[in-house]
Amino acid sequence: MAMHVPHHILFEDEFIIVLNKPHGLMVEPDRNGHPNLLHLVRKYLQQSSGGGLVYAQHIHRLDRPVSGIILFAKQRSVLKNLSDQFAERRVKKYYQALTANSAQFSTGKIENWHRKEKKKAMIYDAEVEFSEKAHLDYFLEALPDHRFLWNIELHTGKYHQIRAQLAHLGCPIIGDSFYGSTNVFKPDAIALHASKLIFTHPVLNKELIMATENDFA
């Protein structure tokens, strides 16, 4: 897909670059050669530097049909610091999702057991073999046309976690036919957006808050 990197940059300095990834774009290369954000960022940095050697590495991922904030290291020296922040759960990750069904409560915590089975996340109410705890907090807003906006803080970043946990509640994300939605959203997209990321700058040691608007309208 066509994407002009400068239009999607939320923050950039000599150490990091933060972008708002559009729906339908992979973060990293796959064996089928689909366009990916990593390649586009490296190409942008090369052009910005006049063709010299550049470094760029994403610190985390978003599924292809999901939009939102992605953080890249621009220097190998800051990669471990940023990776450790994610591994130690010091990064705060917020998402917004749109569903056609409502949860029983307008605010709460969802805790289940998560297990990746082939290319799908399975959610269990009790621990099963090879499963791990999955945890998020949410509050719901009712919108017109029987739609519900989920504001989510993700505490454990498991494979397809939000998609699978909401579907397990009977609230699949709009457009996410893989997890049971029968509602259409947009081509190559589901109504899930990584809306805010809070982390510590790896060199300046100050808190950075990155935020973007969803495009659910």
Protein backbone atom coordinates (compact mmCIF):
# COMPACT_ATOMS: atom_id res chain seq x y z
CA MET A 1 0.00 0.00 0.00
CA ALA A 2 1.12 3.56 -0.62
CA MET A 3 2.31 5.39 2.48
CA HIS A 4 4.25 8.62 2.80
CA VAL A 5 6.29 8.17 5.98
CA PRO A 6 6.65 11.89 6.86
CA HIS A 7 2.85 12.25 7.07
CA HIS A 8 2.71 9.50 9.69
CA ILE A 9 5.57 10.62 11.96
CA LEU A 10 4.50 11.50 15.51
CA PHE A 11 7.99 12.10 16.89
CA GLU A 12 11.55 11.85 15.64
CA ASP A 13 14.99 12.67 16.96
CA GLU A 14 18.43 11.15 16.42
CA PHE A 15 17.62 8.12 18.59
CA ILE A 16 14.00 7.11 17.91
CA ILE A 17 11.13 7.56 15.50
CA VAL A 18 7.46 7.03 16.34
CA LEU A 19 4.84 6.57 13.64
CA ASN A 20 1.11 6.11 13.25
CA LYS A 21 0.79 2.92 11.17
CA PRO A 22 -2.21 2.75 8.83
CA HIS A 23 -4.49 -0.28 8.58
CA GLY A 24 -3.44 -2.97 6.12
CA LEU A 25 0.33 -2.48 6.39
CA MET A 26 2.59 -5.09 7.97
CA VAL A 27 5.19 -3.91 10.48
CA GLU A 28 7.93 -6.29 9.34
CA PRO A 29 8.71 -8.27 6.18
CA ASP A 30 7.03 -11.59 5.50
CA ARG A 31 7.86 -14.39 3.09
CA ASN A 32 5.24 -13.15 0.60
CA GLY A 33 6.98 -9.81 0.12
CA HIS A 34 4.11 -7.60 1.26
CA PRO A 35 4.88 -3.89 1.79
CA ASN A 36 5.99 -3.30 5.37
CA LEU A 37 6.64 -0.41 7.70
CA LEU A 38 10.21 -1.41 8.53
CA HIS A 39 11.25 -1.19 4.88
CA LEU A 40 9.46 2.15 4.43
CA VAL A 41 11.09 3.65 7.52
CA ARG A 42 14.57 2.52 6.45
CA LYS A 43 13.99 3.94 2.98
CA TYR A 44 12.80 7.25 4.47
CA LEU A 45 15.84 7.47 6.76
CA GLN A 46 18.18 6.70 3.89
CA GLN A 47 16.67 9.45 1.79
CA SER A 48 16.82 11.87 4.75
CA SER A 49 20.50 11.10 5.32
CA GLY A 50 21.44 11.58 1.69
CA GLY A 51 21.89 7.88 1.01
CA GLY A 52 24.23 6.93 3.86
CA LEU A 53 24.00 3.89 6.10
CA VAL A 54 20.98 3.97 8.41
CA TYR A 55 19.63 1.82 11.24
CA ALA A 56 15.98 1.26 12.12
CA GLN A 57 14.37 -1.50 14.16
CA HIS A 58 10.82 -1.74 15.48
CA ILE A 59 10.51 -2.47 19.20
CA HIS A 60 7.01 -3.99 19.08
CA ARG A 61 4.40 -5.01 16.51
CA LEU A 62 0.80 -4.47 15.48
CA ASP A 63 -1.25 -6.91 13.43
CA ARG A 64 -1.57 -6.02 9.77
CA PRO A 65 -5.27 -4.93 9.95
CA VAL A 66 -4.67 -2.81 13.09
CA SER A 67 -3.68 0.87 12.98
CA GLY A 68 -1.75 2.93 15.49
CA ILE A 69 1.49 3.79 17.19
CA ILE A 70 4.75 1.97 16.47
CA LEU A 71 8.12 2.82 18.04
CA PHE A 72 11.43 2.35 16.19
CA ALA A 73 15.01 2.63 17.39
CA LYS A 74 17.22 4.66 15.04
CA GLN A 75 20.44 3.59 16.75
CA ARG A 76 21.45 0.09 17.80
CA SER A 77 22.73 1.49 21.10
CA VAL A 78 19.19 2.28 22.34
CA LEU A 79 17.58 -0.99 21.24
CA LYS A 80 18.18 -2.87 24.50
CA ASN A 81 16.87 -0.02 26.66
CA LEU A 82 13.63 0.18 24.69
CA SER A 83 13.21 -3.59 24.44
CA ASP A 84 13.72 -3.94 28.19
CA GLN A 85 11.02 -1.33 28.86
CA PHE A 86 8.53 -3.48 26.95
CA ALA A 87 9.74 -6.78 28.41
CA GLU A 88 9.51 -5.42 31.96
CA ARG A 89 6.05 -3.93 31.29
CA ARG A 90 7.17 -0.39 32.03
CA VAL A 91 5.54 0.83 28.82
CA LYS A 92 1.85 1.77 29.03
CA LYS A 93 -0.16 0.72 25.98
CA TYR A 94 -3.65 2.00 25.22
CA TYR A 95 -6.01 0.92 22.46
CA GLN A 96 -9.45 1.78 21.16
CA ALA A 97 -11.78 -0.77 19.61
CA LEU A 98 -15.25 -0.65 18.10
CA THR A 99 -17.81 -3.44 18.55
CA ALA A 100 -21.45 -4.00 17.71
CA ASN A 101 -22.13 -5.64 21.08
CA SER A 102 -21.68 -4.37 24.63
CA ALA A 103 -20.08 -6.05 27.61
CA GLN A 104 -22.18 -6.70 30.70
CA PHE A 105 -20.39 -3.90 32.56
CA SER A 106 -19.35 -0.52 31.17
CA THR A 107 -16.00 -0.65 32.95
CA GLY A 108 -13.90 -3.46 34.25
CA LYS A 109 -11.02 -5.87 33.94
CA ILE A 110 -10.77 -8.86 31.63
CA GLU A 111 -8.54 -11.69 32.82
CA ASN A 112 -8.39 -14.99 31.00
CA TRP A 113 -5.94 -17.69 30.03
CA HIS A 114 -4.47 -17.27 26.55
CA ARG A 115 -2.92 -19.87 24.30
CA LYS A 116 -1.74 -19.51 20.72
CA GLU A 117 -2.95 -22.45 18.64
CA LYS A 118 -1.47 -22.42 15.15
CA LYS A 119 -2.27 -18.89 13.90
CA LYS A 120 -5.17 -18.16 16.25
CA ALA A 121 -5.43 -17.07 19.88
CA MET A 122 -7.65 -19.21 22.07
CA ILE A 123 -9.07 -17.87 25.33
CA TYR A 124 -9.92 -20.04 28.32
CA ASP A 125 -11.58 -19.19 31.61
CA ALA A 126 -9.36 -21.64 33.48
CA GLU A 127 -5.70 -22.48 33.07
CA VAL A 128 -4.88 -25.07 30.42
CA GLU A 129 -1.59 -26.55 29.29
CA PHE A 130 0.79 -23.99 27.74
CA SER A 131 -1.58 -21.10 28.49
CA GLU A 132 -0.59 -17.73 29.98
CA LYS A 133 -2.54 -15.08 31.84
CA ALA A 134 -3.96 -12.29 29.66
CA HIS A 135 -5.08 -9.07 31.30
CA LEU A 136 -6.57 -5.77 30.17
CA ASP A 137 -8.68 -2.97 31.68
CA TYR A 138 -11.43 -1.18 29.78
CA PHE A 139 -14.25 1.30 29.87
CA LEU A 140 -17.05 1.46 27.32
CA GLU A 141 -18.82 4.34 25.61
CA ALA A 142 -22.10 3.80 23.78
CA LEU A 143 -22.12 5.43 20.34
CA PRO A 144 -24.94 5.98 17.82
CA ASP A 145 -26.01 3.15 15.51
CA HIS A 146 -25.61 0.49 18.23
CA ARG A 147 -21.83 0.69 18.30
CA PHE A 148 -19.60 0.64 21.37
CA LEU A 149 -16.20 2.26 21.79
CA TRP A 150 -13.78 0.36 24.01
CA ASN A 151 -10.98 2.31 25.69
CA ILE A 152 -8.43 -0.29 26.68
CA GLU A 153 -5.23 -0.39 28.70
CA LEU A 154 -3.33 -3.51 27.70
CA HIS A 155 -1.24 -5.07 30.46
CA THR A 156 -0.08 -8.25 28.70
CA GLY A 157 0.72 -8.12 25.01
CA LYS A 158 -0.20 -11.63 23.90
CA TYR A 159 -0.79 -12.76 20.32
CA HIS A 160 -4.11 -11.28 19.07
CA GLN A 161 -4.97 -10.70 22.72
CA ILE A 162 -7.51 -7.88 22.48
CA ARG A 163 -9.17 -9.41 19.43
CA ALA A 164 -9.55 -12.80 21.09
CA GLN A 165 -10.57 -11.57 24.55
CA LEU A 166 -13.31 -9.29 23.21
CA ALA A 167 -14.57 -12.07 20.93
CA HIS A 168 -14.62 -14.42 23.93
CA LEU A 169 -17.02 -11.97 25.61
CA GLY A 170 -19.31 -12.06 22.58
CA CYS A 171 -18.02 -8.68 21.40
CA PRO A 172 -15.83 -9.29 18.35
CA ILE A 173 -14.18 -6.18 16.93
CA ILE A 174 -16.01 -4.76 13.92
CA GLY A 175 -14.42 -6.07 10.73
CA ASP A 176 -12.61 -8.92 12.49
CA SER A 177 -14.20 -11.87 10.70
CA PHE A 178 -11.27 -14.06 11.86
CA TYR A 179 -12.70 -13.83 15.40
CA GLY A 180 -16.37 -13.92 14.49
CA SER A 181 -17.41 -10.40 13.46
CA THR A 182 -20.10 -10.23 10.78
CA ASN A 183 -19.88 -6.43 10.54
CA VAL A 184 -17.92 -4.79 7.74
CA PHE A 185 -15.33 -2.12 8.59
CA LYS A 186 -12.84 -1.18 5.85
CA PRO A 187 -10.76 -3.23 3.39
CA ASP A 188 -7.82 -5.03 5.06
CA ALA A 189 -8.77 -3.43 8.38
CA ILE A 190 -10.45 -4.03 11.71
CA ALA A 191 -11.70 -1.35 14.11
CA LEU A 192 -8.75 -1.61 16.49
CA HIS A 193 -6.33 1.28 16.98
CA ALA A 194 -3.22 1.61 19.17
CA SER A 195 -4.08 5.07 20.41
CA LYS A 196 -1.49 5.91 23.06
CA LEU A 197 1.99 4.78 24.09
CA ILE A 198 3.82 6.03 27.18
CA PHE A 199 7.50 5.17 27.55
CA THR A 200 10.81 6.64 28.70
CA HIS A 201 13.19 8.19 26.20
CA PRO A 202 16.22 5.87 26.13
CA VAL A 203 18.80 8.69 26.30
CA LEU A 204 17.06 11.74 27.74
CA ASN A 205 15.38 9.59 30.42
CA LYS A 206 12.16 11.60 30.27
CA GLU A 207 8.62 10.30 29.85
CA LEU A 208 7.18 10.55 26.37
CA ILE A 209 3.43 10.34 25.70
CA MET A 210 2.47 9.57 22.11
CA ALA A 211 -1.22 9.74 21.18
CA THR A 212 -3.27 9.55 17.97
CA GLU A 213 -6.92 9.69 16.98
CA ASN A 214 -8.70 6.63 15.64
CA ASP A 215 -10.36 6.65 12.22
CA PHE A 216 -13.50 4.76 13.16
CA ALA A 217 -15.92 7.39 11.82
